């Protein structure tokens, strides 16, 4: 599985397991447009099935819903402010969260997070693809 990241300096592909970075073909990364959610201070959001993840401008920076936005649970305590988020289509427990220059990955629906070592130019959008 890999993340395609649109930055101010171009598009990159990052393997989420090995953390290898490569220059990607210049494409429009579509994964960061906010959904129509009635949440205050919404920055970005993503959905897969009934799971919705939203970045909000506060601490903690994430809220997660497993029932299409009927109820919400805070997530991401300790994460820096975010700019983009993506969910894997086939496994909504896999979440990629983009702070200014770094990616953070959760494989358990946002309970635990690990920061990838790679540092990128300012991130604008992110999406997850099957490698």
C-alpha atoms as a PDB file:
ATOM      1  CA  UNK A   1       0.000   0.000   0.000  1.00  0.00           C
ATOM      2  CA  UNK A   2       1.286   3.469  -0.772  1.00  0.00           C
ATOM      3  CA  UNK A   3       0.310   7.080  -0.347  1.00  0.00           C
ATOM      4  CA  UNK A   4       0.329   9.568  -3.194  1.00  0.00           C
ATOM      5  CA  UNK A   5       1.136  13.003  -1.805  1.00  0.00           C
ATOM      6  CA  UNK A   6       0.669  16.316  -3.545  1.00  0.00           C
ATOM      7  CA  UNK A   7       3.066  18.937  -2.180  1.00  0.00           C
ATOM      8  CA  UNK A   8       4.057  22.468  -3.113  1.00  0.00           C
ATOM      9  CA  UNK A   9       7.100  20.956  -4.884  1.00  0.00           C
ATOM     10  CA  UNK A  10       5.385  18.169  -6.840  1.00  0.00           C
ATOM     11  CA  UNK A  11       3.835  14.753  -6.373  1.00  0.00           C
ATOM     12  CA  UNK A  12       5.485  11.934  -4.437  1.00  0.00           C
ATOM     13  CA  UNK A  13       4.702   8.274  -3.754  1.00  0.00           C
ATOM     14  CA  UNK A  14       5.523   6.819  -0.326  1.00  0.00           C
ATOM     15  CA  UNK A  15       5.402   3.090   0.391  1.00  0.00           C
ATOM     16  CA  UNK A  16       3.618   2.883   3.761  1.00  0.00           C
ATOM     17  CA  UNK A  17       5.515  -0.249   4.826  1.00  0.00           C
ATOM     18  CA  UNK A  18       9.088   0.462   3.710  1.00  0.00           C
ATOM     19  CA  UNK A  19       8.798   4.292   3.798  1.00  0.00           C
ATOM     20  CA  UNK A  20      10.552   4.491   0.417  1.00  0.00           C
ATOM     21  CA  UNK A  21       9.862   7.774  -1.375  1.00  0.00           C
ATOM     22  CA  UNK A  22       9.797   8.257  -5.130  1.00  0.00           C
ATOM     23  CA  UNK A  23       8.826  11.058  -7.449  1.00  0.00           C
ATOM     24  CA  UNK A  24       5.360  10.345  -8.859  1.00  0.00           C
ATOM     25  CA  UNK A  25       3.894  11.393 -12.167  1.00  0.00           C
ATOM     26  CA  UNK A  26       2.278  14.800 -11.807  1.00  0.00           C
ATOM     27  CA  UNK A  27      -1.380  13.982 -11.136  1.00  0.00           C
ATOM     28  CA  UNK A  28      -4.143  15.748  -9.302  1.00  0.00           C
ATOM     29  CA  UNK A  29      -4.513  14.104  -5.891  1.00  0.00           C
ATOM     30  CA  UNK A  30      -8.208  14.158  -5.099  1.00  0.00           C
ATOM     31  CA  UNK A  31      -8.280  12.814  -1.558  1.00  0.00           C
ATOM     32  CA  UNK A  32      -8.577  15.968   0.515  1.00  0.00           C
ATOM     33  CA  UNK A  33     -11.751  17.835  -0.390  1.00  0.00           C
ATOM     34  CA  UNK A  34     -13.936  18.241   2.693  1.00  0.00           C
ATOM     35  CA  UNK A  35     -17.205  16.327   2.673  1.00  0.00           C
ATOM     36  CA  UNK A  36     -20.422  18.143   3.493  1.00  0.00           C
ATOM     37  CA  UNK A  37     -20.273  17.675   7.266  1.00  0.00           C
ATOM     38  CA  UNK A  38     -21.857  19.801   9.962  1.00  0.00           C
ATOM     39  CA  UNK A  39     -18.662  20.040  11.993  1.00  0.00           C
ATOM     40  CA  UNK A  40     -17.193  23.344  13.150  1.00  0.00           C
ATOM     41  CA  UNK A  41     -13.709  24.350  11.943  1.00  0.00           C
ATOM     42  CA  UNK A  42     -13.480  21.526   9.357  1.00  0.00           C
ATOM     43  CA  UNK A  43     -10.110  21.374   7.550  1.00  0.00           C
ATOM     44  CA  UNK A  44     -10.315  18.125   5.536  1.00  0.00           C
ATOM     45  CA  UNK A  45     -12.162  14.818   5.541  1.00  0.00           C
ATOM     46  CA  UNK A  46     -12.301  11.393   3.928  1.00  0.00           C
ATOM     47  CA  UNK A  47     -14.773   8.535   3.872  1.00  0.00           C
ATOM     48  CA  UNK A  48     -14.793   4.835   3.084  1.00  0.00           C
ATOM     49  CA  UNK A  49     -18.016   2.916   3.542  1.00  0.00           C
ATOM     50  CA  UNK A  50     -19.588   4.021   6.813  1.00  0.00           C
ATOM     51  CA  UNK A  51     -16.278   5.296   8.243  1.00  0.00           C
ATOM     52  CA  UNK A  52     -15.649   9.046   8.082  1.00  0.00           C
ATOM     53  CA  UNK A  53     -12.510  10.804   9.350  1.00  0.00           C
ATOM     54  CA  UNK A  54     -12.388  14.583   9.657  1.00  0.00           C
ATOM     55  CA  UNK A  55      -9.562  16.975  10.510  1.00  0.00           C
ATOM     56  CA  UNK A  56     -10.733  19.875  12.606  1.00  0.00           C
ATOM     57  CA  UNK A  57      -8.852  22.979  13.674  1.00  0.00           C
ATOM     58  CA  UNK A  58      -8.420  22.083  17.368  1.00  0.00           C
ATOM     59  CA  UNK A  59      -6.790  19.537  19.682  1.00  0.00           C
ATOM     60  CA  UNK A  60      -7.006  16.602  19.165  1.00  0.00           C
ATOM     61  CA  UNK A  61      -7.094  17.262  15.427  1.00  0.00           C
ATOM     62  CA  UNK A  62      -9.214  14.278  14.324  1.00  0.00           C
ATOM     63  CA  UNK A  63     -12.718  12.965  14.812  1.00  0.00           C
ATOM     64  CA  UNK A  64     -13.777   9.517  13.569  1.00  0.00           C
ATOM     65  CA  UNK A  65     -17.253   8.186  12.868  1.00  0.00           C
ATOM     66  CA  UNK A  66     -18.081   4.565  12.093  1.00  0.00           C
ATOM     67  CA  UNK A  67     -21.767   5.297  11.391  1.00  0.00           C
ATOM     68  CA  UNK A  68     -21.620   7.831   8.529  1.00  0.00           C
ATOM     69  CA  UNK A  69     -21.334  10.824  10.856  1.00  0.00           C
ATOM     70  CA  UNK A  70     -24.157  10.080  13.296  1.00  0.00           C
ATOM     71  CA  UNK A  71     -21.720   9.819  16.230  1.00  0.00           C
ATOM     72  CA  UNK A  72     -18.088  10.994  16.516  1.00  0.00           C
ATOM     73  CA  UNK A  73     -15.061   9.968  18.583  1.00  0.00           C
ATOM     74  CA  UNK A  74     -11.981  12.150  19.091  1.00  0.00           C
ATOM     75  CA  UNK A  75      -8.692  10.709  17.807  1.00  0.00           C
ATOM     76  CA  UNK A  76      -5.093  11.679  17.258  1.00  0.00           C
ATOM     77  CA  UNK A  77      -4.150  13.094  20.634  1.00  0.00           C
ATOM     78  CA  UNK A  78      -0.547  14.222  20.321  1.00  0.00           C
ATOM     79  CA  UNK A  79      -0.647  14.677  16.540  1.00  0.00           C
ATOM     80  CA  UNK A  80       0.349  18.075  15.137  1.00  0.00           C
ATOM     81  CA  UNK A  81      -2.174  20.184  13.183  1.00  0.00           C
ATOM     82  CA  UNK A  82      -3.203  18.479   9.945  1.00  0.00           C
ATOM     83  CA  UNK A  83      -3.830  19.440   6.342  1.00  0.00           C
ATOM     84  CA  UNK A  84      -5.055  16.252   4.625  1.00  0.00           C
ATOM     85  CA  UNK A  85      -6.383  12.786   5.429  1.00  0.00           C
ATOM     86  CA  UNK A  86      -7.095   9.607   3.459  1.00  0.00           C
ATOM     87  CA  UNK A  87      -8.667   6.211   4.159  1.00  0.00           C
ATOM     88  CA  UNK A  88      -7.904   2.968   2.364  1.00  0.00           C
ATOM     89  CA  UNK A  89     -10.922   1.955   0.271  1.00  0.00           C
ATOM     90  CA  UNK A  90     -10.658  -1.747   1.083  1.00  0.00           C
ATOM     91  CA  UNK A  91      -9.720  -1.276   4.764  1.00  0.00           C
ATOM     92  CA  UNK A  92     -11.085   1.880   6.457  1.00  0.00           C
ATOM     93  CA  UNK A  93      -8.973   1.128   9.540  1.00  0.00           C
ATOM     94  CA  UNK A  94      -5.941   2.298   7.523  1.00  0.00           C
ATOM     95  CA  UNK A  95      -5.734   6.082   7.804  1.00  0.00           C
ATOM     96  CA  UNK A  96      -3.002   8.392   6.489  1.00  0.00           C
ATOM     97  CA  UNK A  97      -2.917  11.806   8.172  1.00  0.00           C
ATOM     98  CA  UNK A  98      -0.741  14.572   6.757  1.00  0.00           C
ATOM     99  CA  UNK A  99       0.682  17.280   8.968  1.00  0.00           C
ATOM    100  CA  UNK A 100       2.686  20.095   7.370  1.00  0.00           C
ATOM    101  CA  UNK A 101       5.686  17.999   6.227  1.00  0.00           C
ATOM    102  CA  UNK A 102       5.107  14.516   7.603  1.00  0.00           C
ATOM    103  CA  UNK A 103       2.790  11.539   7.232  1.00  0.00           C
ATOM    104  CA  UNK A 104       1.258   9.666  10.153  1.00  0.00           C
ATOM    105  CA  UNK A 105      -0.298   6.218   9.698  1.00  0.00           C
ATOM    106  CA  UNK A 106      -2.870   4.324  11.736  1.00  0.00           C
ATOM    107  CA  UNK A 107      -3.844   0.735  10.985  1.00  0.00           C
ATOM    108  CA  UNK A 108      -6.465   0.456  13.726  1.00  0.00           C
ATOM    109  CA  UNK A 109      -8.976   3.169  12.878  1.00  0.00           C
ATOM    110  CA  UNK A 110      -7.103   6.028  14.534  1.00  0.00           C
ATOM    111  CA  UNK A 111      -6.393   4.547  17.967  1.00  0.00           C
ATOM    112  CA  UNK A 112      -2.599   4.321  17.581  1.00  0.00           C
ATOM    113  CA  UNK A 113      -0.384   6.328  15.206  1.00  0.00           C
ATOM    114  CA  UNK A 114       3.158   6.097  13.879  1.00  0.00           C
ATOM    115  CA  UNK A 115       4.983   8.938  12.153  1.00  0.00           C
ATOM    116  CA  UNK A 116       6.880   8.029   9.001  1.00  0.00           C
ATOM    117  CA  UNK A 117      10.509   9.120   9.053  1.00  0.00           C
ATOM    118  CA  UNK A 118      10.335  10.786   5.646  1.00  0.00           C
ATOM    119  CA  UNK A 119       9.948  14.566   5.612  1.00  0.00           C
ATOM    120  CA  UNK A 120       8.310  16.140   2.555  1.00  0.00           C
ATOM    121  CA  UNK A 121       7.754  19.669   1.242  1.00  0.00           C
ATOM    122  CA  UNK A 122       4.520  21.293   2.480  1.00  0.00           C
ATOM    123  CA  UNK A 123       1.741  18.734   1.934  1.00  0.00           C
ATOM    124  CA  UNK A 124      -1.459  19.816   0.193  1.00  0.00           C
ATOM    125  CA  UNK A 125      -3.320  16.527  -0.419  1.00  0.00           C
ATOM    126  CA  UNK A 126      -2.942  12.780   0.116  1.00  0.00           C
ATOM    127  CA  UNK A 127      -4.610   9.604  -1.134  1.00  0.00           C
ATOM    128  CA  UNK A 128      -4.002   5.880  -0.593  1.00  0.00           C
ATOM    129  CA  UNK A 129      -3.536   3.474  -3.488  1.00  0.00           C
ATOM    130  CA  UNK A 130      -2.723  -0.193  -3.807  1.00  0.00           C
ATOM    131  CA  UNK A 131       0.895  -0.517  -4.886  1.00  0.00           C
END
